[in-house]
Amino acid sequence: MAKEMERAGIPTVLITSLTAVALKVGANRVLEGRRFSHPCGNPALGGDDERKWRVALLRAGLRALATPVAGPTLFEQPA
C-alpha cells in the first residue's frame, strides 16, 4: 500500500522488521523496526525507556519522511 500512496503523491514511511521484503517490493522509505512481533516497540525496556525509544522511532520516521529519495531506501532504527 505504501507504494500506491507514493504513486498518488503522498509520501510514506514503512516501519517494519522485514526490511529486505519491503525494499524488494519497492517501498520508497523503509524504517527498520525492532522485531517481527514488536516492530514499533521494545518490550525489553522499562516504561519510561520504551517511551523514549518509541519517540526516537517516531522522530526517525519523520526525518525519513522529510528526506527526498529516488527509490527504495533503508533508514535504521534509533539506538
N, C-alpha and C. Protein backbone atom coordinates (compact mmCIF):
# COMPACT_ATOMS: atom_id res chain seq x y z
N MET A 1 0.82 -1.19 0.00
CA MET A 1 0.00 0.00 0.00
C MET A 1 0.87 1.26 0.00
N ALA A 2 2.02 1.21 0.64
CA ALA A 2 2.91 2.38 0.68
C ALA A 2 3.29 2.81 -0.73
N LYS A 3 3.55 1.85 -1.60
CA LYS A 3 3.92 2.16 -2.98
C LYS A 3 2.80 2.89 -3.70
N GLU A 4 1.57 2.44 -3.51
CA GLU A 4 0.43 3.07 -4.17
C GLU A 4 0.19 4.49 -3.64
N MET A 5 0.38 4.69 -2.35
CA MET A 5 0.23 6.03 -1.79
C MET A 5 1.30 6.96 -2.36
N GLU A 6 2.52 6.46 -2.49
CA GLU A 6 3.60 7.26 -3.08
C GLU A 6 3.25 7.64 -4.52
N ARG A 7 2.71 6.70 -5.27
CA ARG A 7 2.31 6.99 -6.66
C ARG A 7 1.27 8.09 -6.73
N ALA A 8 0.43 8.17 -5.69
CA ALA A 8 -0.60 9.20 -5.64
C ALA A 8 -0.05 10.52 -5.11
N GLY A 9 1.25 10.57 -4.81
CA GLY A 9 1.86 11.81 -4.35
C GLY A 9 1.88 11.99 -2.85
N ILE A 10 1.55 10.94 -2.11
CA ILE A 10 1.55 11.01 -0.64
C ILE A 10 2.79 10.28 -0.14
N PRO A 11 3.77 11.01 0.41
CA PRO A 11 4.98 10.33 0.90
C PRO A 11 4.66 9.46 2.11
N THR A 12 5.34 8.32 2.18
CA THR A 12 5.11 7.37 3.26
C THR A 12 6.42 6.86 3.82
N VAL A 13 6.35 6.35 5.04
CA VAL A 13 7.46 5.63 5.67
C VAL A 13 6.88 4.30 6.16
N LEU A 14 7.49 3.21 5.75
CA LEU A 14 7.05 1.89 6.18
C LEU A 14 7.96 1.43 7.31
N ILE A 15 7.40 1.25 8.50
CA ILE A 15 8.17 0.75 9.65
C ILE A 15 7.95 -0.76 9.71
N THR A 16 9.04 -1.51 9.57
CA THR A 16 8.93 -2.96 9.51
C THR A 16 10.22 -3.62 9.99
N SER A 17 10.09 -4.83 10.45
CA SER A 17 11.28 -5.62 10.77
C SER A 17 11.67 -6.48 9.57
N LEU A 18 10.83 -6.52 8.56
CA LEU A 18 11.09 -7.28 7.34
C LEU A 18 11.61 -6.33 6.25
N THR A 19 12.74 -5.71 6.53
CA THR A 19 13.25 -4.67 5.64
C THR A 19 13.60 -5.20 4.25
N ALA A 20 14.16 -6.39 4.16
CA ALA A 20 14.53 -6.93 2.85
C ALA A 20 13.30 -7.09 1.95
N VAL A 21 12.20 -7.53 2.53
CA VAL A 21 10.96 -7.70 1.76
C VAL A 21 10.44 -6.34 1.32
N ALA A 22 10.42 -5.37 2.23
CA ALA A 22 9.91 -4.04 1.90
C ALA A 22 10.74 -3.39 0.79
N LEU A 23 12.05 -3.54 0.86
CA LEU A 23 12.91 -2.97 -0.19
C LEU A 23 12.70 -3.70 -1.51
N LYS A 24 12.52 -5.00 -1.45
CA LYS A 24 12.34 -5.80 -2.68
C LYS A 24 11.05 -5.44 -3.40
N VAL A 25 9.99 -5.15 -2.65
CA VAL A 25 8.73 -4.80 -3.30
C VAL A 25 8.67 -3.32 -3.69
N GLY A 26 9.69 -2.55 -3.31
CA GLY A 26 9.81 -1.19 -3.80
C GLY A 26 9.25 -0.08 -2.92
N ALA A 27 9.07 -0.33 -1.63
CA ALA A 27 8.66 0.75 -0.73
C ALA A 27 9.78 1.79 -0.70
N ASN A 28 9.44 3.06 -0.88
CA ASN A 28 10.47 4.10 -1.01
C ASN A 28 11.25 4.37 0.27
N ARG A 29 10.56 4.55 1.37
CA ARG A 29 11.23 4.84 2.65
C ARG A 29 10.90 3.72 3.62
N VAL A 30 11.91 2.96 3.97
CA VAL A 30 11.72 1.82 4.86
C VAL A 30 12.51 2.09 6.14
N LEU A 31 11.81 2.11 7.26
CA LEU A 31 12.45 2.34 8.56
C LEU A 31 12.49 1.00 9.29
N GLU A 32 13.68 0.61 9.69
CA GLU A 32 13.87 -0.66 10.38
C GLU A 32 13.19 -0.64 11.74
N GLY A 33 12.24 -1.55 11.95
CA GLY A 33 11.57 -1.68 13.24
C GLY A 33 12.37 -2.57 14.17
N ARG A 34 11.83 -2.82 15.34
CA ARG A 34 12.56 -3.57 16.38
C ARG A 34 12.62 -5.07 16.08
N ARG A 35 11.50 -5.73 16.15
CA ARG A 35 11.42 -7.18 15.94
C ARG A 35 10.14 -7.49 15.19
N PHE A 36 10.07 -8.72 14.69
CA PHE A 36 8.88 -9.13 13.94
C PHE A 36 7.61 -8.95 14.76
N SER A 37 7.65 -9.36 16.02
CA SER A 37 6.45 -9.29 16.86
C SER A 37 6.20 -7.90 17.45
N HIS A 38 7.22 -7.04 17.44
CA HIS A 38 7.07 -5.69 18.01
C HIS A 38 7.86 -4.68 17.16
N PRO A 39 7.43 -4.41 15.91
CA PRO A 39 8.21 -3.50 15.08
C PRO A 39 8.24 -2.06 15.59
N CYS A 40 7.23 -1.67 16.36
CA CYS A 40 7.17 -0.28 16.83
C CYS A 40 7.31 -0.17 18.34
N GLY A 41 7.92 -1.14 18.95
CA GLY A 41 8.11 -1.12 20.40
C GLY A 41 9.30 -1.95 20.79
N ASN A 42 9.69 -1.82 22.04
CA ASN A 42 10.81 -2.60 22.57
C ASN A 42 10.44 -3.06 23.97
N PRO A 43 9.71 -4.19 24.08
CA PRO A 43 9.22 -4.63 25.38
C PRO A 43 10.33 -5.01 26.35
N ALA A 44 11.56 -5.13 25.89
CA ALA A 44 12.67 -5.44 26.80
C ALA A 44 13.02 -4.24 27.68
N LEU A 45 12.56 -3.05 27.28
CA LEU A 45 12.84 -1.84 28.05
C LEU A 45 11.73 -1.60 29.07
N GLY A 46 12.04 -0.85 30.11
CA GLY A 46 11.03 -0.45 31.09
C GLY A 46 10.15 0.65 30.51
N GLY A 47 9.11 1.04 31.24
CA GLY A 47 8.12 2.02 30.78
C GLY A 47 8.67 3.30 30.20
N ASP A 48 9.44 4.05 30.99
CA ASP A 48 9.95 5.34 30.50
C ASP A 48 10.97 5.15 29.38
N ASP A 49 11.80 4.13 29.49
CA ASP A 49 12.80 3.89 28.45
C ASP A 49 12.14 3.47 27.14
N GLU A 50 11.08 2.67 27.22
CA GLU A 50 10.39 2.28 25.98
C GLU A 50 9.71 3.49 25.35
N ARG A 51 9.13 4.34 26.18
CA ARG A 51 8.51 5.56 25.64
C ARG A 51 9.55 6.39 24.92
N LYS A 52 10.74 6.55 25.49
CA LYS A 52 11.80 7.31 24.84
C LYS A 52 12.21 6.65 23.52
N TRP A 53 12.26 5.32 23.51
CA TRP A 53 12.61 4.60 22.28
C TRP A 53 11.56 4.82 21.19
N ARG A 54 10.29 4.78 21.59
CA ARG A 54 9.21 4.99 20.62
C ARG A 54 9.23 6.41 20.07
N VAL A 55 9.52 7.38 20.93
CA VAL A 55 9.62 8.77 20.47
C VAL A 55 10.78 8.89 19.48
N ALA A 56 11.90 8.24 19.77
CA ALA A 56 13.05 8.26 18.86
C ALA A 56 12.68 7.61 17.52
N LEU A 57 11.90 6.53 17.57
CA LEU A 57 11.46 5.86 16.34
C LEU A 57 10.57 6.80 15.52
N LEU A 58 9.66 7.49 16.18
CA LEU A 58 8.79 8.44 15.50
C LEU A 58 9.61 9.57 14.87
N ARG A 59 10.57 10.08 15.60
CA ARG A 59 11.43 11.14 15.05
C ARG A 59 12.23 10.65 13.85
N ALA A 60 12.73 9.41 13.93
CA ALA A 60 13.46 8.83 12.79
C ALA A 60 12.52 8.71 11.59
N GLY A 61 11.28 8.34 11.84
CA GLY A 61 10.29 8.25 10.77
C GLY A 61 10.01 9.60 10.14
N LEU A 62 9.91 10.64 10.95
CA LEU A 62 9.67 11.98 10.42
C LEU A 62 10.87 12.48 9.61
N ARG A 63 12.08 12.16 10.07
CA ARG A 63 13.28 12.52 9.29
C ARG A 63 13.28 11.79 7.96
N ALA A 64 12.91 10.52 7.98
CA ALA A 64 12.84 9.74 6.75
C ALA A 64 11.79 10.33 5.80
N LEU A 65 10.67 10.73 6.35
CA LEU A 65 9.60 11.31 5.56
C LEU A 65 10.05 12.60 4.88
N ALA A 66 10.90 13.37 5.55
CA ALA A 66 11.38 14.64 5.01
C ALA A 66 12.57 14.48 4.07
N THR A 67 13.08 13.25 3.94
CA THR A 67 14.25 13.00 3.11
C THR A 67 13.82 12.62 1.70
N PRO A 68 14.23 13.41 0.69
CA PRO A 68 13.90 13.03 -0.69
C PRO A 68 14.65 11.74 -1.06
N VAL A 69 13.97 10.83 -1.71
CA VAL A 69 14.59 9.57 -2.16
C VAL A 69 14.21 9.32 -3.61
N ALA A 70 15.09 8.63 -4.32
CA ALA A 70 14.83 8.32 -5.73
C ALA A 70 14.34 6.89 -5.90
N GLY A 71 14.38 6.11 -4.86
CA GLY A 71 13.95 4.72 -4.92
C GLY A 71 13.98 4.14 -3.53
N PRO A 72 13.81 2.83 -3.40
CA PRO A 72 13.80 2.20 -2.09
C PRO A 72 15.04 2.53 -1.27
N THR A 73 14.82 3.05 -0.07
CA THR A 73 15.90 3.50 0.81
C THR A 73 15.64 2.99 2.22
N LEU A 74 16.66 2.42 2.85
CA LEU A 74 16.54 1.91 4.21
C LEU A 74 17.05 2.94 5.20
N PHE A 75 16.25 3.22 6.21
CA PHE A 75 16.61 4.09 7.32
C PHE A 75 16.71 3.20 8.56
N GLU A 76 17.76 3.35 9.34
CA GLU A 76 17.97 2.48 10.50
C GLU A 76 17.16 2.94 11.69
N GLN A 77 16.86 1.98 12.57
CA GLN A 77 16.11 2.27 13.79
C GLN A 77 16.97 3.09 14.74
N PRO A 78 16.33 3.81 15.66
CA PRO A 78 17.09 4.58 16.64
C PRO A 78 17.89 3.66 17.56
N ALA A 79 18.96 4.18 18.11
CA ALA A 79 19.82 3.40 19.02
C ALA A 79 19.12 3.11 20.33
